[in-house]
Amino acid sequence: MTFTSPASAAPDAAARLWIRNPLAAFTANSLDASGGLVISNGVITEVLAAGQQPSAPYSRTFDAGSHVLLPGLINTHHHFYQTLTRAWGPVANAPLFPWLQNLYPVWARLTPKDLELAATVALAELLLSGCTTAADHHYLFPAGLEDAIDIEVAAVRRLGMRATLTRGSMTLGTDDGGLPPQSTVQDPEVVLADSERLVSAYHERGDDAVIQIALAPCSPFSVTKEIMAESAAMAERLDVRLHTHLAETLDEEDFCRERFGLRTVDYLDSVGWLTERTWLGHGIHFSDAEIARLGSAGTAVAHCPTSNMRLASGTARVLELEDAGVPVGLGVDGSASNDASNMILEARQALYLQRLRYGADVPVERALGWATSGSAAVLGRDGLGQLAPGMQADLALFKLDDLRFSGSHDPIAALLLCAADRADRVMVGGQWRVVDGRIPGLDIPALIAEHSTAARRLVNG
């Protein structure tokens, strides 16, 4: 894999840059950015309406007249390592539990180099789709892969993105009534010690944080109640967030009833997780009363529409969740159940799936809000997800010059309705990370070749 970081890709963050007169702008708030933005020291300092000029001198301009301007998209749920098992025949037509049971033995062969390649592919694909911040849920630590999160940290830093990396775990194997094989299970003491190490080593605070760490026991059918409760206590002590899968399928609901005698939200409450510190992957199968409880607690949900359709898991009740006060964002989920890592396409899928549930008047802007300000709220990132003074200068700019856009009239609507899939420019913290649809310094053909070789080796054993 070849990656260099050319100086030309990153302009002087201290200089004032006017991104002027975009074709259209979605700010994720009520501000008008049709005149553009002023960026200084990695932060948005001014949002300009049509005809307005910057209030102070600027040293550079970028003419955005052919670009639709958005806040950087934010991915709230992913499994980077799964890029190695996309579209694998034996699980192409399987629901969640059989899908997992067939893939666990394959994933148990994961090596450090495999993870480095997989994470780089996932992050690059996200970045090219306009994503500037990603949450990854990594819960596989087979022998030799004890430093998995350290590997992911390095990959995020190389690509110049932001990430919430979650120290996942599986502590309930088949020998004790869980779903994963014993070879993928860790002792709770190991999990907790590594979790504390990672928070100490990497967790950053503040609006400009690049790396944050969260604690993330995998799911009710793969961890014990004890590790859930102990993780909640540690998260409170260290002031970090909590993440897990919950209410993804009816099989999971049945498992919780049989093993714990509880529905999923009761289970969550019983282990100290019904809190605003928590965000949940999927959150599909909730009753009205459970939605109200989640809203009262401020517990958030990462909606993963493509994965939910691919595995026929169900449809999250997103509008009802939001109306109850539940923060909702979007996640591409694992690249073996999507099977892509494309955030702008995920916003399109979310729009269409929620329209199927609620009607055609679900606005395009609401779906873009889930991918930006909604996702920022899910991850507790107050400085991200909107175009406003004081927010981090994380931006995605899309051109509408492909054949698919010919004949379109509303630039914002066209992004989703005409299926935009690649950003032309992406900025993170005031630095261009995608230029002319490319990631400067990343040899993508070489990455594909090396990643594909690793993928074949992994599935062939």
Protein backbone atom coordinates (compact mmCIF):
# COMPACT_ATOMS: atom_id res chain seq x y z
CA MET A 1 0.00 0.00 0.00
CA THR A 2 1.38 3.38 -1.05
CA PHE A 3 0.45 6.54 0.80
CA THR A 4 2.29 9.83 0.92
CA SER A 5 1.13 13.14 2.38
CA PRO A 6 2.02 15.89 -0.09
CA ALA A 7 2.32 19.38 1.33
CA SER A 8 0.24 20.71 -1.57
CA ALA A 9 -2.82 18.86 -0.26
CA ALA A 10 -3.00 20.93 2.92
CA PRO A 11 -3.18 24.73 2.70
CA ASP A 12 -1.98 26.92 5.54
CA ALA A 13 -4.73 26.53 8.13
CA ALA A 14 -4.00 29.96 9.63
CA ALA A 15 -4.75 31.83 6.38
CA ARG A 16 -8.28 33.14 5.76
CA LEU A 17 -10.00 31.28 2.94
CA TRP A 18 -13.24 32.44 1.34
CA ILE A 19 -15.18 29.55 -0.21
CA ARG A 20 -17.35 31.80 -2.32
CA ASN A 21 -20.75 31.66 -3.94
CA PRO A 22 -21.58 27.94 -4.00
CA LEU A 23 -24.13 26.67 -6.50
CA ALA A 24 -26.21 25.74 -3.42
CA ALA A 25 -25.55 25.18 0.26
CA PHE A 26 -27.14 23.01 2.93
CA THR A 27 -26.14 24.35 6.34
CA ALA A 28 -28.13 21.95 8.60
CA ASN A 29 -29.57 25.04 10.32
CA SER A 30 -31.42 28.22 9.39
CA LEU A 31 -28.36 30.13 8.17
CA ASP A 32 -28.00 31.21 4.55
CA ALA A 33 -24.61 30.27 3.10
CA SER A 34 -25.34 31.15 -0.51
CA GLY A 35 -22.49 33.69 -0.39
CA GLY A 36 -20.12 31.09 1.01
CA LEU A 37 -17.97 30.56 4.09
CA VAL A 38 -14.83 32.08 5.55
CA ILE A 39 -12.39 29.58 7.06
CA SER A 40 -9.52 30.42 9.44
CA ASN A 41 -7.45 28.20 11.74
CA GLY A 42 -9.54 25.18 10.81
CA VAL A 43 -12.79 26.84 11.91
CA ILE A 44 -15.71 28.49 10.10
CA THR A 45 -15.55 32.18 11.06
CA GLU A 46 -18.27 33.61 8.81
CA VAL A 47 -21.33 32.33 6.95
CA LEU A 48 -22.24 34.69 4.14
CA ALA A 49 -25.61 35.26 2.52
CA ALA A 50 -25.90 36.09 -1.16
CA GLY A 51 -24.08 39.31 -2.02
CA GLN A 52 -22.22 39.54 1.29
CA GLN A 53 -18.45 39.97 1.48
CA PRO A 54 -16.11 38.76 4.22
CA SER A 55 -15.85 41.25 7.09
CA ALA A 56 -12.04 41.10 7.20
CA PRO A 57 -9.28 40.60 4.62
CA TYR A 58 -8.77 37.12 3.22
CA SER A 59 -5.73 35.65 1.56
CA ARG A 60 -7.27 32.97 -0.67
CA THR A 61 -10.53 32.20 -2.41
CA PHE A 62 -12.11 29.04 -3.75
CA ASP A 63 -14.80 29.57 -6.35
CA ALA A 64 -17.57 27.09 -5.44
CA GLY A 65 -19.93 28.19 -8.21
CA SER A 66 -20.15 24.67 -9.59
CA HIS A 67 -20.36 22.94 -6.19
CA VAL A 68 -23.12 22.04 -3.75
CA LEU A 69 -21.73 22.76 -0.28
CA LEU A 70 -22.55 20.60 2.76
CA PRO A 71 -21.17 20.05 6.24
CA GLY A 72 -18.88 17.03 6.21
CA LEU A 73 -20.99 13.88 6.47
CA ILE A 74 -20.69 11.86 9.68
CA ASN A 75 -20.90 8.07 9.84
CA THR A 76 -22.11 6.76 13.21
CA HIS A 77 -21.80 2.98 12.79
CA HIS A 78 -19.35 0.88 10.81
CA HIS A 79 -17.13 -2.20 10.96
CA PHE A 80 -14.06 -1.30 8.89
CA TYR A 81 -12.64 -4.84 8.85
CA GLN A 82 -15.66 -6.12 6.95
CA THR A 83 -14.51 -4.55 3.68
CA LEU A 84 -12.58 -7.82 3.26
CA THR A 85 -15.77 -9.93 3.10
CA ARG A 86 -18.04 -7.93 0.83
CA ALA A 87 -20.53 -9.83 -1.35
CA TRP A 88 -19.30 -13.23 -0.14
CA GLY A 89 -21.43 -15.87 -1.78
CA PRO A 90 -22.22 -18.09 1.24
CA VAL A 91 -23.95 -15.18 3.04
CA ALA A 92 -25.26 -13.17 0.10
CA ASN A 93 -28.84 -14.23 0.84
CA ALA A 94 -28.79 -14.75 4.62
CA PRO A 95 -30.43 -12.89 7.53
CA LEU A 96 -28.37 -11.65 10.48
CA PHE A 97 -27.82 -14.72 12.69
CA PRO A 98 -26.84 -17.18 9.89
CA TRP A 99 -24.87 -14.37 8.25
CA LEU A 100 -22.84 -13.93 11.45
CA GLN A 101 -22.42 -17.65 12.14
CA ASN A 102 -20.92 -18.19 8.67
CA LEU A 103 -18.65 -15.15 8.85
CA TYR A 104 -17.30 -15.45 12.41
CA PRO A 105 -14.80 -18.25 11.50
CA VAL A 106 -13.58 -16.22 8.51
CA TRP A 107 -13.15 -13.05 10.55
CA ALA A 108 -11.25 -15.01 13.24
CA ARG A 109 -8.38 -15.29 10.75
CA LEU A 110 -7.94 -11.51 10.56
CA THR A 111 -4.31 -10.31 10.84
CA PRO A 112 -2.91 -6.86 11.68
CA LYS A 113 -2.04 -6.24 8.02
CA ASP A 114 -5.54 -7.29 6.97
CA LEU A 115 -7.04 -4.76 9.37
CA GLU A 116 -4.72 -1.98 8.21
CA LEU A 117 -5.77 -2.56 4.61
CA ALA A 118 -9.45 -2.95 5.46
CA ALA A 119 -9.54 0.22 7.56
CA THR A 120 -7.74 2.21 4.88
CA VAL A 121 -10.20 1.05 2.21
CA ALA A 122 -13.20 1.85 4.41
CA LEU A 123 -11.91 5.29 5.36
CA ALA A 124 -10.90 6.18 1.81
CA GLU A 125 -14.29 5.13 0.47
CA LEU A 126 -16.03 7.17 3.16
CA LEU A 127 -13.84 10.21 2.52
CA LEU A 128 -14.52 10.12 -1.21
CA SER A 129 -18.25 10.07 -0.47
CA GLY A 130 -18.03 13.31 1.55
CA CYS A 131 -17.58 11.79 5.00
CA THR A 132 -15.23 13.61 7.36
CA THR A 133 -15.90 11.79 10.67
CA ALA A 134 -16.51 8.07 11.13
CA ALA A 135 -17.36 5.84 14.07
CA ASP A 136 -16.06 2.29 13.89
CA HIS A 137 -17.24 -0.59 16.06
CA HIS A 138 -14.38 -3.08 16.22
CA TYR A 139 -15.05 -6.10 18.42
CA LEU A 140 -12.75 -8.79 16.93
CA PHE A 141 -9.47 -9.39 18.74
CA PRO A 142 -8.20 -12.87 17.75
CA ALA A 143 -4.71 -13.89 18.80
CA GLY A 144 -2.18 -11.51 17.25
CA LEU A 145 -4.69 -8.68 16.80
CA GLU A 146 -4.62 -7.30 20.33
CA ASP A 147 -3.61 -3.86 19.02
CA ALA A 148 -6.51 -3.54 16.57
CA ILE A 149 -7.61 -0.08 17.72
CA ASP A 150 -4.04 1.22 17.55
CA ILE A 151 -3.95 0.10 13.91
CA GLU A 152 -7.18 1.98 13.22
CA VAL A 153 -5.89 5.13 14.91
CA ALA A 154 -2.90 5.13 12.57
CA ALA A 155 -5.13 4.67 9.51
CA VAL A 156 -7.41 7.56 10.50
CA ARG A 157 -4.46 9.85 11.02
CA ARG A 158 -2.94 8.93 7.64
CA LEU A 159 -6.17 9.85 5.84
CA GLY A 160 -6.56 13.09 7.83
CA MET A 161 -10.10 12.34 9.01
CA ARG A 162 -11.78 12.34 12.43
CA ALA A 163 -13.02 9.18 14.12
CA THR A 164 -14.74 7.78 17.15
CA LEU A 165 -13.09 4.38 17.49
CA THR A 166 -14.92 2.01 19.80
CA ARG A 167 -13.19 -0.68 21.80
CA GLY A 168 -15.65 -3.47 21.15
CA SER A 169 -15.68 -6.90 22.73
CA MET A 170 -17.26 -10.33 22.69
CA THR A 171 -17.26 -12.20 26.01
CA LEU A 172 -20.12 -14.69 25.53
CA GLY A 173 -19.19 -17.56 23.22
CA THR A 174 -21.00 -20.64 22.03
CA ASP A 175 -19.84 -22.66 25.06
CA ASP A 176 -21.88 -20.35 27.30
CA GLY A 177 -24.92 -19.85 25.10
CA GLY A 178 -23.69 -16.97 22.93
CA LEU A 179 -23.46 -16.74 19.15
CA PRO A 180 -19.72 -16.20 18.40
CA PRO A 181 -17.16 -19.05 18.46
CA GLN A 182 -14.92 -19.28 21.50
CA SER A 183 -11.86 -18.31 19.44
CA THR A 184 -13.26 -14.79 19.11
CA VAL A 185 -14.11 -14.30 22.80
CA GLN A 186 -11.94 -12.37 25.28
CA ASP A 187 -11.78 -12.37 29.07
CA PRO A 188 -13.55 -9.37 30.62
CA GLU A 189 -10.40 -8.33 32.50
CA VAL A 190 -8.49 -8.09 29.21
CA VAL A 191 -11.26 -6.04 27.61
CA LEU A 192 -11.48 -3.56 30.47
CA ALA A 193 -7.72 -3.12 30.81
CA ASP A 194 -7.32 -2.45 27.09
CA SER A 195 -10.29 -0.09 27.11
CA GLU A 196 -8.69 2.02 29.82
CA ARG A 197 -5.34 1.95 28.01
CA LEU A 198 -6.90 3.19 24.78
CA VAL A 199 -8.78 6.04 26.44
CA SER A 200 -5.60 7.14 28.16
CA ALA A 201 -3.50 6.88 25.01
CA TYR A 202 -5.77 8.34 22.36
CA HIS A 203 -8.99 9.98 23.54
CA GLU A 204 -9.06 13.69 22.70
CA ARG A 205 -11.53 16.25 24.00
CA GLY A 206 -12.78 19.49 22.54
CA ASP A 207 -14.44 20.51 19.30
CA ASP A 208 -11.31 19.88 17.23
CA ALA A 209 -10.68 16.34 18.54
CA VAL A 210 -9.39 14.01 15.84
CA ILE A 211 -9.58 10.68 17.71
CA GLN A 212 -12.12 9.77 20.36
CA ILE A 213 -12.52 6.39 22.05
CA ALA A 214 -15.79 4.80 23.17
CA LEU A 215 -16.57 1.50 24.90
CA ALA A 216 -18.62 -0.95 22.88
CA PRO A 217 -19.50 -4.49 24.01
CA CYS A 218 -20.85 -5.96 20.81
CA SER A 219 -24.45 -7.14 21.27
CA PRO A 220 -26.78 -8.93 23.71
CA PHE A 221 -26.03 -12.29 22.08
CA SER A 222 -22.23 -11.94 22.26
CA VAL A 223 -21.44 -10.35 25.65
CA THR A 224 -22.36 -10.90 29.28
CA LYS A 225 -24.41 -8.53 31.38
CA GLU A 226 -21.36 -8.14 33.63
CA ILE A 227 -19.16 -6.63 30.88
CA MET A 228 -22.02 -4.31 29.93
CA ALA A 229 -22.37 -3.04 33.49
CA GLU A 230 -18.62 -2.74 34.01
CA SER A 231 -18.22 -0.86 30.74
CA ALA A 232 -20.96 1.56 31.77
CA ALA A 233 -19.20 2.23 35.06
CA MET A 234 -15.87 2.78 33.30
CA ALA A 235 -17.43 5.10 30.74
CA GLU A 236 -18.89 7.19 33.54
CA ARG A 237 -15.55 7.31 35.35
CA LEU A 238 -13.53 8.18 32.23
CA ASP A 239 -16.24 10.37 30.67
CA VAL A 240 -16.45 8.59 27.32
CA ARG A 241 -19.37 7.30 25.29
CA LEU A 242 -20.97 3.86 25.05
CA HIS A 243 -22.01 1.97 21.93
CA THR A 244 -23.63 -1.39 21.16
CA HIS A 245 -25.98 -3.11 18.75
CA LEU A 246 -29.56 -3.23 19.98
CA ALA A 247 -33.00 -4.14 18.62
CA GLU A 248 -31.60 -4.97 15.18
CA THR A 249 -33.67 -8.12 14.60
CA LEU A 250 -36.55 -10.08 16.11
CA ASP A 251 -34.08 -12.95 16.71
CA GLU A 252 -32.20 -10.65 19.06
CA GLU A 253 -35.44 -9.77 20.85
CA ASP A 254 -36.17 -13.47 21.32
CA PHE A 255 -32.62 -14.05 22.63
CA CYS A 256 -33.02 -11.30 25.24
CA ARG A 257 -36.34 -12.69 26.42
CA GLU A 258 -34.99 -16.24 26.69
CA ARG A 259 -31.63 -15.44 28.30
CA PHE A 260 -32.42 -12.39 30.42
CA GLY A 261 -36.21 -12.47 30.71
CA LEU A 262 -36.23 -8.90 29.38
CA ARG A 263 -37.03 -6.94 26.26
CA THR A 264 -34.10 -5.04 24.77
CA VAL A 265 -34.69 -1.65 26.40
CA ASP A 266 -35.32 -3.26 29.79
CA TYR A 267 -32.05 -5.13 29.30
CA LEU A 268 -30.29 -1.87 28.44
CA ASP A 269 -31.67 -0.23 31.58
CA SER A 270 -30.68 -3.20 33.76
CA VAL A 271 -26.99 -2.79 32.89
CA GLY A 272 -26.87 1.00 33.31
CA TRP A 273 -26.89 1.93 29.63
CA LEU A 274 -30.16 3.88 29.36
CA THR A 275 -28.37 7.22 29.32
CA GLU A 276 -27.43 10.11 27.04
CA ARG A 277 -23.89 8.66 26.98
CA THR A 278 -25.14 5.75 24.82
CA TRP A 279 -25.79 5.38 21.12
CA LEU A 280 -27.28 2.23 19.62
CA GLY A 281 -26.61 0.57 16.30
CA HIS A 282 -29.87 -0.02 14.34
CA GLY A 283 -32.63 0.46 16.96
CA ILE A 284 -35.39 -1.05 14.84
CA HIS A 285 -37.70 -3.10 17.05
CA PHE A 286 -38.92 -0.74 19.76
CA SER A 287 -42.45 -0.33 21.10
CA ASP A 288 -44.04 3.09 21.56
CA ALA A 289 -43.28 2.96 25.28
CA GLU A 290 -39.65 2.02 24.62
CA ILE A 291 -39.22 4.88 22.16
CA ALA A 292 -40.51 7.26 24.83
CA ARG A 293 -38.04 5.85 27.37
CA LEU A 294 -35.12 6.23 24.96
CA GLY A 295 -36.15 9.82 24.28
CA SER A 296 -36.43 10.66 27.97
CA ALA A 297 -32.96 9.22 28.56
CA GLY A 298 -31.41 10.96 25.53
CA THR A 299 -30.12 7.64 24.21
CA ALA A 300 -29.23 7.95 20.50
CA VAL A 301 -29.72 5.68 17.49
CA ALA A 302 -27.53 5.07 14.44
CA HIS A 303 -29.92 4.30 11.59
CA CYS A 304 -28.38 1.90 9.04
CA PRO A 305 -30.91 1.64 6.22
CA THR A 306 -28.90 -0.25 3.60
CA SER A 307 -27.78 -2.95 6.01
CA ASN A 308 -31.29 -3.25 7.42
CA MET A 309 -32.66 -3.83 3.93
CA ARG A 310 -29.82 -6.16 2.89
CA LEU A 311 -30.39 -8.46 5.89
CA ALA A 312 -34.17 -7.86 5.96
CA SER A 313 -33.86 -6.81 9.60
CA GLY A 314 -36.68 -4.25 9.52
CA THR A 315 -37.18 -0.50 9.30
CA ALA A 316 -36.30 1.88 12.12
CA ARG A 317 -39.07 4.24 13.21
CA VAL A 318 -36.88 7.28 12.68
CA LEU A 319 -39.50 10.04 12.67
CA GLU A 320 -41.11 8.70 15.84
CA LEU A 321 -37.70 8.33 17.49
CA GLU A 322 -36.84 11.95 16.69
CA ASP A 323 -40.24 13.21 17.79
CA ALA A 324 -39.66 11.50 21.14
CA GLY A 325 -36.30 13.27 21.58
CA VAL A 326 -33.98 10.49 20.42
CA PRO A 327 -30.95 11.83 18.51
CA VAL A 328 -30.77 9.98 15.17
CA GLY A 329 -27.84 9.78 12.78
CA LEU A 330 -26.81 7.54 9.91
CA GLY A 331 -24.38 4.64 9.66
CA VAL A 332 -23.24 2.62 6.67
CA ASP A 333 -22.76 -0.39 8.99
CA GLY A 334 -20.31 -3.14 8.15
CA SER A 335 -19.17 -3.43 4.58
CA ALA A 336 -20.23 -7.07 4.55
CA SER A 337 -23.88 -6.10 5.06
CA ASN A 338 -24.13 -2.96 2.94
CA ASP A 339 -21.77 -3.72 1.05
CA ALA A 340 -20.39 -0.22 0.59
CA SER A 341 -18.97 2.60 2.70
CA ASN A 342 -20.65 5.54 1.01
CA MET A 343 -22.31 8.15 3.22
CA ILE A 344 -24.05 10.26 0.57
CA LEU A 345 -25.69 7.13 -0.84
CA GLU A 346 -26.65 6.12 2.69
CA ALA A 347 -28.51 9.41 3.08
CA ARG A 348 -30.41 8.58 -0.13
CA GLN A 349 -31.30 5.13 1.20
CA ALA A 350 -32.46 6.63 4.49
CA LEU A 351 -34.67 9.10 2.65
CA TYR A 352 -36.33 6.42 0.55
CA LEU A 353 -36.75 3.88 3.34
CA GLN A 354 -38.32 6.44 5.65
CA ARG A 355 -40.57 7.69 2.84
CA LEU A 356 -41.73 4.13 2.35
CA ARG A 357 -42.73 4.08 6.01
CA TYR A 358 -44.08 7.60 6.47
CA GLY A 359 -44.87 9.01 3.02
CA ALA A 360 -43.31 11.02 0.22
CA ASP A 361 -43.30 14.27 2.18
CA VAL A 362 -40.23 13.27 4.23
CA PRO A 363 -37.92 16.07 3.00
CA VAL A 364 -34.56 15.62 1.33
CA GLU A 365 -33.19 18.14 3.83
CA ARG A 366 -34.26 15.96 6.75
CA ALA A 367 -32.25 13.04 5.41
CA LEU A 368 -29.23 15.31 4.91
CA GLY A 369 -29.74 16.46 8.48
CA TRP A 370 -29.51 12.88 9.73
CA ALA A 371 -26.17 12.54 7.91
CA THR A 372 -24.76 15.78 9.37
CA SER A 373 -26.15 17.51 12.46
CA GLY A 374 -28.06 14.40 13.55
CA SER A 375 -24.99 12.20 13.36
CA ALA A 376 -22.92 14.82 15.20
CA ALA A 377 -25.46 14.77 18.04
CA VAL A 378 -25.35 10.97 18.13
CA LEU A 379 -21.57 11.04 18.64
CA GLY A 380 -21.68 13.97 21.06
CA ARG A 381 -19.66 16.16 18.66
CA ASP A 382 -21.09 19.65 19.24
CA GLY A 383 -18.54 21.33 16.96
CA LEU A 384 -19.38 19.26 13.89
CA GLY A 385 -22.26 18.72 11.51
CA GLN A 386 -23.33 22.29 10.67
CA LEU A 387 -22.16 25.29 8.68
CA ALA A 388 -22.07 28.03 11.30
CA PRO A 389 -19.50 30.39 12.86
CA GLY A 390 -17.36 28.56 15.40
CA MET A 391 -17.95 25.12 13.89
CA GLN A 392 -15.05 23.03 12.63
CA ALA A 393 -14.30 23.54 8.95
CA ASP A 394 -15.32 20.03 7.88
CA LEU A 395 -16.95 20.34 4.46
CA ALA A 396 -18.09 18.24 1.52
CA LEU A 397 -18.50 19.78 -1.94
CA PHE A 398 -20.24 17.94 -4.77
CA LYS A 399 -20.39 18.74 -8.47
CA LEU A 400 -23.51 18.03 -10.53
CA ASP A 401 -21.77 17.55 -13.87
CA ASP A 402 -22.30 13.80 -14.36
CA LEU A 403 -24.84 12.46 -16.84
CA ARG A 404 -27.11 11.41 -13.96
CA PHE A 405 -27.69 15.07 -13.06
CA SER A 406 -28.54 16.31 -16.55
CA GLY A 407 -32.00 17.86 -16.43
CA SER A 408 -32.03 18.30 -12.64
CA HIS A 409 -33.20 21.65 -11.25
CA ASP A 410 -32.88 21.76 -7.45
CA PRO A 411 -29.20 21.19 -6.58
CA ILE A 412 -29.86 20.06 -3.00
CA ALA A 413 -32.58 17.61 -4.01
CA ALA A 414 -30.43 16.38 -6.90
CA LEU A 415 -27.73 15.13 -4.53
CA LEU A 416 -30.05 12.43 -3.20
CA LEU A 417 -32.69 12.03 -5.89
CA CYS A 418 -30.12 11.72 -8.68
CA ALA A 419 -27.78 9.56 -6.56
CA ALA A 420 -24.60 11.58 -6.06
CA ASP A 421 -21.94 9.13 -4.95
CA ARG A 422 -18.62 10.97 -4.95
CA ALA A 423 -17.50 14.32 -3.60
CA ASP A 424 -15.28 16.57 -5.68
CA ARG A 425 -13.72 18.30 -2.67
CA VAL A 426 -13.63 17.38 1.02
CA MET A 427 -12.13 19.51 3.80
CA VAL A 428 -11.34 18.37 7.35
CA GLY A 429 -10.28 20.98 9.88
CA GLY A 430 -9.54 23.53 7.17
CA GLN A 431 -7.38 21.17 5.10
CA TRP A 432 -8.37 19.70 1.75
CA ARG A 433 -8.39 15.91 2.01
CA VAL A 434 -10.10 15.27 -1.33
CA VAL A 435 -9.13 17.39 -4.35
CA ASP A 436 -10.77 16.93 -7.77
CA GLY A 437 -12.35 13.69 -6.61
CA ARG A 438 -9.04 12.17 -5.49
CA ILE A 439 -7.24 11.65 -2.18
CA PRO A 440 -3.81 13.28 -2.63
CA GLY A 441 -1.02 10.84 -1.92
CA LEU A 442 -3.13 7.67 -1.90
CA ASP A 443 -2.35 5.12 -4.63
CA ILE A 444 -5.81 3.61 -4.93
CA PRO A 445 -4.98 0.99 -7.62
CA ALA A 446 -2.16 -0.33 -5.42
CA LEU A 447 -4.46 -0.31 -2.39
CA ILE A 448 -7.14 -2.24 -4.29
CA ALA A 449 -4.63 -4.84 -5.44
CA GLU A 450 -3.23 -5.43 -1.96
CA HIS A 451 -6.65 -5.36 -0.27
CA SER A 452 -8.14 -7.79 -2.81
CA THR A 453 -5.29 -10.23 -2.28
CA ALA A 454 -5.84 -10.10 1.48
CA ALA A 455 -9.58 -10.61 1.00
CA ARG A 456 -9.09 -13.74 -1.08
CA ARG A 457 -6.63 -15.17 1.43
CA LEU A 458 -8.99 -14.47 4.31
CA VAL A 459 -12.03 -16.24 2.87
CA ASN A 460 -10.01 -19.15 1.47
CA GLY A 461 -8.36 -19.86 4.81
